[in-house]
Amino acid sequence: MIVKNKLVAGALALSLFATPIVAVQAASTSDTSEALAECLYKHATASDKQVLVQWAYVTLSKTSAAKQIQTIPSAKVKNIESSAQKALTNLVVGRCSSPAVKVLMKNPKNGLQETMTLLAGKLVNAEIERRASPILSLTMTDLMGLRK
């Protein structure tokens, strides 16, 4: 049974990168996707998180809004996607195989997309919180132009 779970989890990890990040409403996410995203986030090393943040970045770089600012060479995108796939596969096959199998069984159509969207959100939120808090001393009053 463990080998079967590892194979299913490995297949799930590989297919995660076939699914682009798309905004998913919080109300529509499944508990299993949330559990897998939390497991992936919790067990990711600093190196894993760096690669996954890079993956989220290059994924967003494919949008027209991002292309107006910067275009990332396709070779760089493929390299980052490959590194992220390896990190994700190790996490899914290793410490997160149980929640991965649950996602596959409960929500095979949208569970992967939901999981990656949730994971990307967690990673990006952590980076923004870490980097923005010291430099953002603005208050709502400042933003609304009420301070004189």
N, C-alpha and C. Protein backbone atom coordinates (compact mmCIF):
# COMPACT_ATOMS: atom_id res chain seq x y z
N MET A 1 0.83 -1.20 0.00
CA MET A 1 0.00 0.00 0.00
C MET A 1 0.87 1.26 0.00
N ILE A 2 1.99 1.25 0.72
CA ILE A 2 2.87 2.41 0.77
C ILE A 2 3.44 2.71 -0.60
N VAL A 3 3.85 1.67 -1.33
CA VAL A 3 4.40 1.85 -2.67
C VAL A 3 3.34 2.44 -3.59
N LYS A 4 2.11 1.94 -3.49
CA LYS A 4 1.03 2.46 -4.31
C LYS A 4 0.79 3.93 -4.00
N ASN A 5 0.76 4.30 -2.70
CA ASN A 5 0.58 5.70 -2.32
C ASN A 5 1.71 6.56 -2.85
N LYS A 6 2.94 6.06 -2.81
CA LYS A 6 4.09 6.81 -3.31
C LYS A 6 3.97 7.01 -4.82
N LEU A 7 3.51 6.00 -5.54
CA LEU A 7 3.34 6.13 -6.99
C LEU A 7 2.24 7.13 -7.32
N VAL A 8 1.13 7.05 -6.60
CA VAL A 8 0.02 7.98 -6.82
C VAL A 8 0.48 9.39 -6.47
N ALA A 9 1.18 9.53 -5.35
CA ALA A 9 1.67 10.85 -4.94
C ALA A 9 2.66 11.40 -5.96
N GLY A 10 3.51 10.55 -6.49
CA GLY A 10 4.46 10.99 -7.51
C GLY A 10 3.76 11.45 -8.77
N ALA A 11 2.76 10.71 -9.18
CA ALA A 11 1.98 11.11 -10.36
C ALA A 11 1.28 12.44 -10.12
N LEU A 12 0.77 12.61 -8.90
CA LEU A 12 0.12 13.86 -8.54
C LEU A 12 1.11 15.02 -8.61
N ALA A 13 2.30 14.82 -8.09
CA ALA A 13 3.31 15.88 -8.11
C ALA A 13 3.65 16.28 -9.54
N LEU A 14 3.81 15.31 -10.41
CA LEU A 14 4.13 15.61 -11.80
C LEU A 14 3.00 16.36 -12.49
N SER A 15 1.78 15.99 -12.17
CA SER A 15 0.65 16.64 -12.83
C SER A 15 0.37 18.03 -12.27
N LEU A 16 0.90 18.35 -11.09
CA LEU A 16 0.69 19.68 -10.54
C LEU A 16 1.24 20.76 -11.46
N PHE A 17 2.32 20.46 -12.15
CA PHE A 17 2.93 21.45 -13.02
C PHE A 17 2.26 21.53 -14.38
N ALA A 18 1.32 20.66 -14.64
CA ALA A 18 0.54 20.76 -15.87
C ALA A 18 -0.64 21.69 -15.66
N THR A 19 -0.85 22.12 -14.41
CA THR A 19 -1.98 22.96 -14.05
C THR A 19 -1.49 24.36 -13.72
N PRO A 20 -1.90 25.37 -14.49
CA PRO A 20 -1.44 26.73 -14.20
C PRO A 20 -2.12 27.30 -12.96
N ILE A 21 -1.46 28.33 -12.37
CA ILE A 21 -2.08 29.02 -11.25
C ILE A 21 -3.26 29.81 -11.80
N VAL A 22 -4.39 29.64 -11.19
CA VAL A 22 -5.58 30.39 -11.54
C VAL A 22 -6.24 30.78 -10.24
N ALA A 23 -6.81 31.96 -10.19
CA ALA A 23 -7.48 32.38 -8.97
C ALA A 23 -8.63 31.43 -8.66
N VAL A 24 -8.64 30.94 -7.45
CA VAL A 24 -9.70 30.04 -7.01
C VAL A 24 -10.34 30.70 -5.80
N GLN A 25 -11.65 30.81 -5.82
CA GLN A 25 -12.33 31.43 -4.70
C GLN A 25 -12.15 30.58 -3.45
N ALA A 26 -11.92 31.25 -2.32
CA ALA A 26 -11.68 30.54 -1.07
C ALA A 26 -12.85 29.63 -0.71
N ALA A 27 -14.05 30.06 -1.01
CA ALA A 27 -15.21 29.26 -0.65
C ALA A 27 -15.28 27.96 -1.44
N SER A 28 -14.63 27.91 -2.60
CA SER A 28 -14.73 26.72 -3.42
C SER A 28 -13.58 25.74 -3.21
N THR A 29 -12.59 26.10 -2.41
CA THR A 29 -11.48 25.18 -2.20
C THR A 29 -11.89 24.05 -1.28
N SER A 30 -11.34 22.91 -1.53
CA SER A 30 -11.68 21.75 -0.72
C SER A 30 -10.74 21.66 0.47
N ASP A 31 -11.22 21.01 1.51
CA ASP A 31 -10.41 20.79 2.71
C ASP A 31 -9.16 20.00 2.38
N THR A 32 -9.27 19.06 1.44
CA THR A 32 -8.11 18.24 1.10
C THR A 32 -7.03 19.07 0.41
N SER A 33 -7.43 19.98 -0.45
CA SER A 33 -6.45 20.86 -1.10
C SER A 33 -5.78 21.77 -0.08
N GLU A 34 -6.57 22.29 0.84
CA GLU A 34 -6.00 23.13 1.90
C GLU A 34 -5.03 22.34 2.76
N ALA A 35 -5.38 21.11 3.08
CA ALA A 35 -4.50 20.27 3.90
C ALA A 35 -3.20 19.96 3.17
N LEU A 36 -3.28 19.68 1.88
CA LEU A 36 -2.07 19.40 1.11
C LEU A 36 -1.20 20.65 0.99
N ALA A 37 -1.81 21.78 0.70
CA ALA A 37 -1.04 23.03 0.59
C ALA A 37 -0.35 23.34 1.92
N GLU A 38 -1.04 23.14 3.01
CA GLU A 38 -0.46 23.38 4.34
C GLU A 38 0.70 22.42 4.60
N CYS A 39 0.53 21.17 4.25
CA CYS A 39 1.59 20.17 4.42
C CYS A 39 2.81 20.55 3.59
N LEU A 40 2.59 20.91 2.35
CA LEU A 40 3.70 21.29 1.47
C LEU A 40 4.43 22.51 2.03
N TYR A 41 3.68 23.49 2.49
CA TYR A 41 4.28 24.70 3.04
C TYR A 41 5.06 24.39 4.32
N LYS A 42 4.46 23.60 5.17
CA LYS A 42 5.07 23.26 6.47
C LYS A 42 6.37 22.48 6.31
N HIS A 43 6.40 21.57 5.36
CA HIS A 43 7.55 20.68 5.22
C HIS A 43 8.58 21.15 4.18
N ALA A 44 8.28 22.21 3.49
CA ALA A 44 9.24 22.73 2.50
C ALA A 44 10.44 23.35 3.21
N THR A 45 11.61 23.04 2.72
CA THR A 45 12.82 23.66 3.25
C THR A 45 12.91 25.09 2.72
N ALA A 46 13.84 25.86 3.24
CA ALA A 46 14.04 27.22 2.74
C ALA A 46 14.37 27.19 1.25
N SER A 47 15.15 26.21 0.84
CA SER A 47 15.50 26.06 -0.57
C SER A 47 14.28 25.71 -1.41
N ASP A 48 13.44 24.80 -0.90
CA ASP A 48 12.20 24.44 -1.59
C ASP A 48 11.32 25.67 -1.76
N LYS A 49 11.18 26.44 -0.68
CA LYS A 49 10.32 27.63 -0.74
C LYS A 49 10.86 28.64 -1.74
N GLN A 50 12.17 28.79 -1.79
CA GLN A 50 12.76 29.72 -2.75
C GLN A 50 12.42 29.30 -4.18
N VAL A 51 12.58 28.02 -4.46
CA VAL A 51 12.29 27.52 -5.80
C VAL A 51 10.80 27.66 -6.12
N LEU A 52 9.94 27.39 -5.15
CA LEU A 52 8.50 27.49 -5.39
C LEU A 52 8.05 28.94 -5.55
N VAL A 53 8.68 29.87 -4.85
CA VAL A 53 8.39 31.30 -5.06
C VAL A 53 8.82 31.69 -6.47
N GLN A 54 9.98 31.20 -6.89
CA GLN A 54 10.43 31.47 -8.26
C GLN A 54 9.45 30.90 -9.28
N TRP A 55 8.92 29.71 -9.00
CA TRP A 55 7.94 29.11 -9.89
C TRP A 55 6.68 29.99 -9.98
N ALA A 56 6.20 30.46 -8.82
CA ALA A 56 5.02 31.33 -8.83
C ALA A 56 5.31 32.60 -9.63
N TYR A 57 6.51 33.12 -9.47
CA TYR A 57 6.91 34.34 -10.18
C TYR A 57 6.93 34.12 -11.69
N VAL A 58 7.56 33.05 -12.13
CA VAL A 58 7.61 32.83 -13.58
C VAL A 58 6.24 32.46 -14.14
N THR A 59 5.41 31.84 -13.31
CA THR A 59 4.04 31.54 -13.76
C THR A 59 3.28 32.85 -13.99
N LEU A 60 3.40 33.77 -13.04
CA LEU A 60 2.74 35.07 -13.20
C LEU A 60 3.37 35.90 -14.31
N SER A 61 4.65 35.65 -14.59
CA SER A 61 5.33 36.41 -15.65
C SER A 61 4.75 36.12 -17.03
N LYS A 62 3.95 35.10 -17.13
CA LYS A 62 3.35 34.75 -18.42
C LYS A 62 2.11 35.59 -18.73
N THR A 63 1.64 36.37 -17.74
CA THR A 63 0.46 37.21 -17.96
C THR A 63 0.85 38.45 -18.77
N SER A 64 -0.12 39.03 -19.44
CA SER A 64 0.17 40.22 -20.25
C SER A 64 0.61 41.39 -19.37
N ALA A 65 0.04 41.52 -18.18
CA ALA A 65 0.44 42.61 -17.28
C ALA A 65 1.90 42.48 -16.89
N ALA A 66 2.33 41.27 -16.57
CA ALA A 66 3.73 41.06 -16.18
C ALA A 66 4.67 41.23 -17.37
N LYS A 67 4.23 40.80 -18.54
CA LYS A 67 5.08 40.93 -19.73
C LYS A 67 5.37 42.38 -20.07
N GLN A 68 4.49 43.29 -19.65
CA GLN A 68 4.72 44.71 -19.88
C GLN A 68 5.89 45.22 -19.04
N ILE A 69 6.19 44.53 -17.97
CA ILE A 69 7.28 44.92 -17.07
C ILE A 69 8.56 44.16 -17.38
N GLN A 70 8.42 42.85 -17.55
CA GLN A 70 9.60 42.01 -17.75
C GLN A 70 9.21 40.74 -18.48
N THR A 71 10.07 40.31 -19.39
CA THR A 71 9.90 39.03 -20.05
C THR A 71 11.03 38.12 -19.60
N ILE A 72 10.67 36.95 -19.12
CA ILE A 72 11.67 35.99 -18.65
C ILE A 72 11.93 35.01 -19.79
N PRO A 73 13.19 34.79 -20.14
CA PRO A 73 13.51 33.86 -21.23
C PRO A 73 12.93 32.47 -20.96
N SER A 74 12.44 31.84 -22.01
CA SER A 74 11.79 30.53 -21.86
C SER A 74 12.73 29.49 -21.28
N ALA A 75 14.01 29.55 -21.58
CA ALA A 75 14.97 28.59 -21.00
C ALA A 75 15.03 28.73 -19.49
N LYS A 76 14.98 29.97 -19.00
CA LYS A 76 14.99 30.22 -17.55
C LYS A 76 13.71 29.70 -16.92
N VAL A 77 12.58 29.94 -17.59
CA VAL A 77 11.29 29.46 -17.10
C VAL A 77 11.31 27.94 -16.98
N LYS A 78 11.78 27.27 -18.02
CA LYS A 78 11.83 25.80 -18.01
C LYS A 78 12.74 25.28 -16.91
N ASN A 79 13.86 25.94 -16.68
CA ASN A 79 14.78 25.55 -15.62
C ASN A 79 14.13 25.67 -14.24
N ILE A 80 13.45 26.78 -14.02
CA ILE A 80 12.77 26.99 -12.73
C ILE A 80 11.63 26.00 -12.57
N GLU A 81 10.86 25.77 -13.62
CA GLU A 81 9.76 24.80 -13.54
C GLU A 81 10.30 23.41 -13.22
N SER A 82 11.41 23.04 -13.81
CA SER A 82 12.02 21.74 -13.55
C SER A 82 12.48 21.63 -12.10
N SER A 83 13.12 22.67 -11.60
CA SER A 83 13.58 22.67 -10.20
C SER A 83 12.40 22.60 -9.24
N ALA A 84 11.36 23.35 -9.53
CA ALA A 84 10.17 23.35 -8.67
C ALA A 84 9.48 22.00 -8.70
N GLN A 85 9.44 21.38 -9.88
CA GLN A 85 8.82 20.06 -9.99
C GLN A 85 9.58 19.04 -9.14
N LYS A 86 10.90 19.11 -9.14
CA LYS A 86 11.70 18.19 -8.32
C LYS A 86 11.43 18.41 -6.84
N ALA A 87 11.40 19.67 -6.42
CA ALA A 87 11.14 19.98 -5.01
C ALA A 87 9.75 19.50 -4.61
N LEU A 88 8.78 19.77 -5.45
CA LEU A 88 7.40 19.36 -5.16
C LEU A 88 7.26 17.84 -5.13
N THR A 89 7.90 17.17 -6.07
CA THR A 89 7.84 15.70 -6.10
C THR A 89 8.42 15.13 -4.82
N ASN A 90 9.55 15.65 -4.37
CA ASN A 90 10.15 15.17 -3.13
C ASN A 90 9.22 15.38 -1.94
N LEU A 91 8.55 16.51 -1.88
CA LEU A 91 7.62 16.79 -0.78
C LEU A 91 6.39 15.88 -0.84
N VAL A 92 5.82 15.75 -2.04
CA VAL A 92 4.59 14.95 -2.18
C VAL A 92 4.87 13.48 -1.94
N VAL A 93 5.95 12.97 -2.48
CA VAL A 93 6.28 11.56 -2.30
C VAL A 93 6.75 11.29 -0.88
N GLY A 94 7.39 12.27 -0.27
CA GLY A 94 7.93 12.11 1.07
C GLY A 94 6.91 12.36 2.16
N ARG A 95 6.91 13.56 2.67
CA ARG A 95 6.14 13.88 3.87
C ARG A 95 4.66 14.17 3.62
N CYS A 96 4.27 14.40 2.40
CA CYS A 96 2.89 14.81 2.12
C CYS A 96 2.13 13.82 1.24
N SER A 97 2.55 12.56 1.25
CA SER A 97 1.89 11.59 0.37
C SER A 97 0.44 11.32 0.79
N SER A 98 0.17 11.30 2.08
CA SER A 98 -1.19 11.02 2.53
C SER A 98 -2.17 12.11 2.10
N PRO A 99 -1.90 13.39 2.36
CA PRO A 99 -2.84 14.41 1.87
C PRO A 99 -2.89 14.49 0.34
N ALA A 100 -1.79 14.14 -0.33
CA ALA A 100 -1.78 14.15 -1.80
C ALA A 100 -2.74 13.11 -2.35
N VAL A 101 -2.73 11.94 -1.77
CA VAL A 101 -3.64 10.88 -2.22
C VAL A 101 -5.09 11.29 -1.96
N LYS A 102 -5.34 11.95 -0.83
CA LYS A 102 -6.70 12.41 -0.51
C LYS A 102 -7.19 13.43 -1.54
N VAL A 103 -6.30 14.33 -1.96
CA VAL A 103 -6.68 15.30 -2.99
C VAL A 103 -7.03 14.58 -4.28
N LEU A 104 -6.20 13.64 -4.66
CA LEU A 104 -6.42 12.90 -5.90
C LEU A 104 -7.74 12.13 -5.85
N MET A 105 -8.06 11.56 -4.71
CA MET A 105 -9.29 10.77 -4.59
C MET A 105 -10.54 11.65 -4.49
N LYS A 106 -10.45 12.76 -3.76
CA LYS A 106 -11.63 13.58 -3.51
C LYS A 106 -11.92 14.57 -4.64
N ASN A 107 -10.88 15.14 -5.21
CA ASN A 107 -11.10 16.20 -6.18
C ASN A 107 -10.07 16.12 -7.32
N PRO A 108 -10.15 15.05 -8.12
CA PRO A 108 -9.14 14.85 -9.16
C PRO A 108 -9.15 15.93 -10.24
N LYS A 109 -10.28 16.57 -10.45
CA LYS A 109 -10.37 17.56 -11.52
C LYS A 109 -9.76 18.91 -11.13
N ASN A 110 -10.08 19.42 -9.95
CA ASN A 110 -9.63 20.76 -9.55
C ASN A 110 -8.70 20.79 -8.35
N GLY A 111 -8.50 19.66 -7.70
CA GLY A 111 -7.70 19.63 -6.48
C GLY A 111 -6.27 20.08 -6.67
N LEU A 112 -5.68 19.72 -7.79
CA LEU A 112 -4.30 20.10 -8.06
C LEU A 112 -4.16 21.61 -8.24
N GLN A 113 -5.05 22.16 -9.02
CA GLN A 113 -5.05 23.60 -9.27
C GLN A 113 -5.26 24.35 -7.96
N GLU A 114 -6.23 23.91 -7.17
CA GLU A 114 -6.51 24.54 -5.89
C GLU A 114 -5.29 24.49 -4.98
N THR A 115 -4.66 23.33 -4.90
CA THR A 115 -3.50 23.16 -4.02
C THR A 115 -2.38 24.11 -4.41
N MET A 116 -2.06 24.17 -5.68
CA MET A 116 -0.96 25.03 -6.12
C MET A 116 -1.29 26.51 -5.95
N THR A 117 -2.55 26.87 -6.16
CA THR A 117 -2.97 28.25 -5.94
C THR A 117 -2.83 28.62 -4.47
N LEU A 118 -3.28 27.73 -3.59
CA LEU A 118 -3.17 27.97 -2.16
C LEU A 118 -1.71 28.03 -1.71
N LEU A 119 -0.90 27.10 -2.20
CA LEU A 119 0.51 27.08 -1.83
C LEU A 119 1.21 28.35 -2.32
N ALA A 120 0.97 28.73 -3.56
CA ALA A 120 1.58 29.95 -4.09
C ALA A 120 1.17 31.16 -3.25
N GLY A 121 -0.10 31.20 -2.86
CA GLY A 121 -0.59 32.30 -2.02
C GLY A 121 0.13 32.36 -0.68
N LYS A 122 0.31 31.20 -0.06
CA LYS A 122 1.02 31.15 1.23
C LYS A 122 2.46 31.63 1.08
N LEU A 123 3.12 31.19 0.04
CA LEU A 123 4.52 31.56 -0.18
C LEU A 123 4.66 33.06 -0.47
N VAL A 124 3.81 33.57 -1.34
CA VAL A 124 3.87 34.98 -1.70
C VAL A 124 3.50 35.85 -0.50
N ASN A 125 2.46 35.47 0.24
CA ASN A 125 2.07 36.24 1.42
C ASN A 125 3.20 36.32 2.43
N ALA A 126 3.88 35.20 2.66
CA ALA A 126 4.99 35.18 3.61
C ALA A 126 6.12 36.11 3.15
N GLU A 127 6.41 36.10 1.86
CA GLU A 127 7.46 36.98 1.33
C GLU A 127 7.08 38.45 1.46
N ILE A 128 5.84 38.77 1.13
CA ILE A 128 5.39 40.16 1.21
C ILE A 128 5.39 40.64 2.65
N GLU A 129 4.89 39.82 3.56
CA GLU A 129 4.89 40.20 4.98
C GLU A 129 6.31 40.44 5.47
N ARG A 130 7.21 39.58 5.09
CA ARG A 130 8.60 39.67 5.54
C ARG A 130 9.30 40.90 4.98
N ARG A 131 9.00 41.24 3.77
CA ARG A 131 9.73 42.32 3.10
C ARG A 131 9.04 43.68 3.17
N ALA A 132 7.74 43.70 3.21
CA ALA A 132 7.02 44.97 3.12
C ALA A 132 6.84 45.66 4.46
N SER A 133 6.74 44.92 5.55
CA SER A 133 6.42 45.54 6.83
C SER A 133 7.41 46.62 7.27
N PRO A 134 8.73 46.47 7.10
CA PRO A 134 9.63 47.54 7.54
C PRO A 134 9.55 48.81 6.69
N ILE A 135 9.16 48.67 5.44
CA ILE A 135 9.17 49.85 4.57
C ILE A 135 7.80 50.50 4.41
N LEU A 136 6.77 49.84 4.84
CA LEU A 136 5.43 50.41 4.69
C LEU A 136 4.97 51.02 6.00
N SER A 137 5.26 52.28 6.17
CA SER A 137 4.82 52.96 7.39
C SER A 137 3.55 53.77 7.13
N LEU A 138 2.96 53.58 5.98
CA LEU A 138 1.74 54.30 5.64
C LEU A 138 0.57 53.79 6.46
N THR A 139 -0.31 54.70 6.79
CA THR A 139 -1.55 54.32 7.47
C THR A 139 -2.70 54.57 6.50
N MET A 140 -3.88 54.15 6.86
CA MET A 140 -5.05 54.41 6.02
C MET A 140 -5.27 55.91 5.87
N THR A 141 -4.97 56.66 6.93
CA THR A 141 -5.11 58.12 6.88
C THR A 141 -4.19 58.70 5.81
N ASP A 142 -2.94 58.19 5.75
CA ASP A 142 -2.00 58.64 4.73
C ASP A 142 -2.53 58.34 3.33
N LEU A 143 -3.03 57.13 3.16
CA LEU A 143 -3.50 56.71 1.85
C LEU A 143 -4.72 57.51 1.39
N MET A 144 -5.53 57.90 2.33
CA MET A 144 -6.75 58.64 1.98
C MET A 144 -6.49 60.15 1.91
N GLY A 145 -5.26 60.57 2.19
CA GLY A 145 -4.92 61.98 2.11
C GLY A 145 -5.51 62.82 3.22
N LEU A 146 -5.82 62.20 4.35
CA LEU A 146 -6.45 62.92 5.45
C LEU A 146 -5.45 63.51 6.42
N ARG A 147 -4.22 63.08 6.37
CA ARG A 147 -3.20 63.58 7.29
C ARG A 147 -2.64 64.89 6.74
N LYS A 148 -2.53 65.88 7.60
CA LYS A 148 -2.03 67.20 7.16
C LYS A 148 -0.70 67.48 7.75
